[in-house]
Amino acid sequence: MHLGNITERQSQILSMCIENPDIVLVSTDIVGKFGVTPNTAKSDLRKLTEKSYLSEISLNGRTKGYVRSENFNKLIGKIH
C-alpha cells in the first residue's frame, strides 16, 4: 500500500487489519512482529487512530486494543 504520511510499518499494520477484519491489536503484537520498542508500537497505533484508520478500545481498564474504525473501508478504498 502506498499512502501519504504513513510509514511502511504502519502500512503493514493496516494490511494486517485488511487480512483479518476482526483483529484486535495491542502494542505487544506490534513489538513482537516488527521488533520495535513498546513506545514505537504505541506511537504507530496512536497515529493510525488519529488518522481514523483504527479505533481504540479498552480491554481491561489498563490495556488498550485497536480495531478497524467505522471509516476503515472507505479510507482504504481511497488508496487502491
Protein backbone atom coordinates (compact mmCIF):
# COMPACT_ATOMS: atom_id res chain seq x y z
CA MET A 1 0.00 0.00 0.00
CA HIS A 2 1.20 3.46 -0.79
CA LEU A 3 -0.15 6.13 1.50
CA GLY A 4 0.84 9.68 2.06
CA ASN A 5 2.31 10.37 5.51
CA ILE A 6 2.08 6.72 6.64
CA THR A 7 5.23 4.75 7.34
CA GLU A 8 5.95 1.36 5.81
CA ARG A 9 5.38 -0.30 9.20
CA GLN A 10 2.05 1.49 9.65
CA SER A 11 1.09 0.33 6.18
CA GLN A 12 1.90 -3.24 7.21
CA ILE A 13 -0.25 -2.82 10.33
CA LEU A 14 -3.15 -1.74 8.09
CA SER A 15 -2.50 -4.78 5.88
CA MET A 16 -2.89 -6.97 8.97
CA CYS A 17 -6.30 -5.37 9.52
CA ILE A 18 -7.30 -5.97 5.90
CA GLU A 19 -6.30 -9.65 6.07
CA ASN A 20 -8.10 -10.18 9.39
CA PRO A 21 -11.04 -7.76 9.74
CA ASP A 22 -11.84 -8.91 13.30
CA ILE A 23 -8.30 -8.48 14.62
CA VAL A 24 -7.79 -6.66 17.91
CA LEU A 25 -4.25 -5.32 18.02
CA VAL A 26 -2.31 -4.47 21.14
CA SER A 27 1.10 -2.85 21.28
CA THR A 28 2.80 -6.14 22.20
CA ASP A 29 1.59 -7.58 18.85
CA ILE A 30 3.47 -4.83 17.04
CA VAL A 31 6.56 -5.21 19.25
CA GLY A 32 6.69 -8.94 18.50
CA LYS A 33 6.02 -8.73 14.77
CA PHE A 34 8.24 -5.78 13.92
CA GLY A 35 10.88 -5.86 16.67
CA VAL A 36 10.26 -2.26 17.75
CA THR A 37 10.12 -0.76 21.22
CA PRO A 38 6.81 -0.61 23.09
CA ASN A 39 6.80 3.19 22.72
CA THR A 40 7.24 2.93 18.95
CA ALA A 41 4.44 0.36 18.74
CA LYS A 42 2.10 2.57 20.77
CA SER A 43 3.03 5.57 18.66
CA ASP A 44 2.22 3.74 15.42
CA LEU A 45 -1.15 2.61 16.75
CA ARG A 46 -1.93 6.09 18.08
CA LYS A 47 -1.07 7.72 14.75
CA LEU A 48 -3.30 5.30 12.85
CA THR A 49 -6.08 6.11 15.33
CA GLU A 50 -5.55 9.85 14.84
CA LYS A 51 -5.85 9.31 11.06
CA SER A 52 -9.13 7.42 11.68
CA TYR A 53 -7.93 4.07 10.34
CA LEU A 54 -8.19 2.45 13.78
CA SER A 55 -10.39 2.91 16.83
CA GLU A 56 -9.11 2.49 20.38
CA ILE A 57 -10.97 0.22 22.78
CA SER A 58 -10.37 -0.59 26.44
CA LEU A 59 -9.66 -4.26 27.03
CA ASN A 60 -9.32 -4.44 30.80
CA GLY A 61 -9.10 -0.90 32.09
CA ARG A 62 -5.36 -0.79 31.59
CA THR A 63 -4.69 -2.37 28.22
CA LYS A 64 -5.81 -0.63 25.06
CA GLY A 65 -6.76 -2.54 21.96
CA TYR A 66 -7.07 -1.24 18.43
CA VAL A 67 -9.66 -2.32 15.89
CA ARG A 68 -10.68 -1.19 12.42
CA SER A 69 -12.59 2.08 12.58
CA GLU A 70 -16.03 2.62 11.09
CA ASN A 71 -14.33 4.55 8.27
CA PHE A 72 -11.65 1.92 7.62
CA ASN A 73 -13.05 0.51 4.38
CA LYS A 74 -13.79 3.96 2.98
CA LEU A 75 -10.29 5.22 3.81
CA ILE A 76 -8.60 2.10 2.46
CA GLY A 77 -10.75 2.30 -0.68
CA LYS A 78 -9.26 5.72 -1.43
CA ILE A 79 -5.80 4.14 -1.52
CA HIS A 80 -6.46 1.48 -4.16
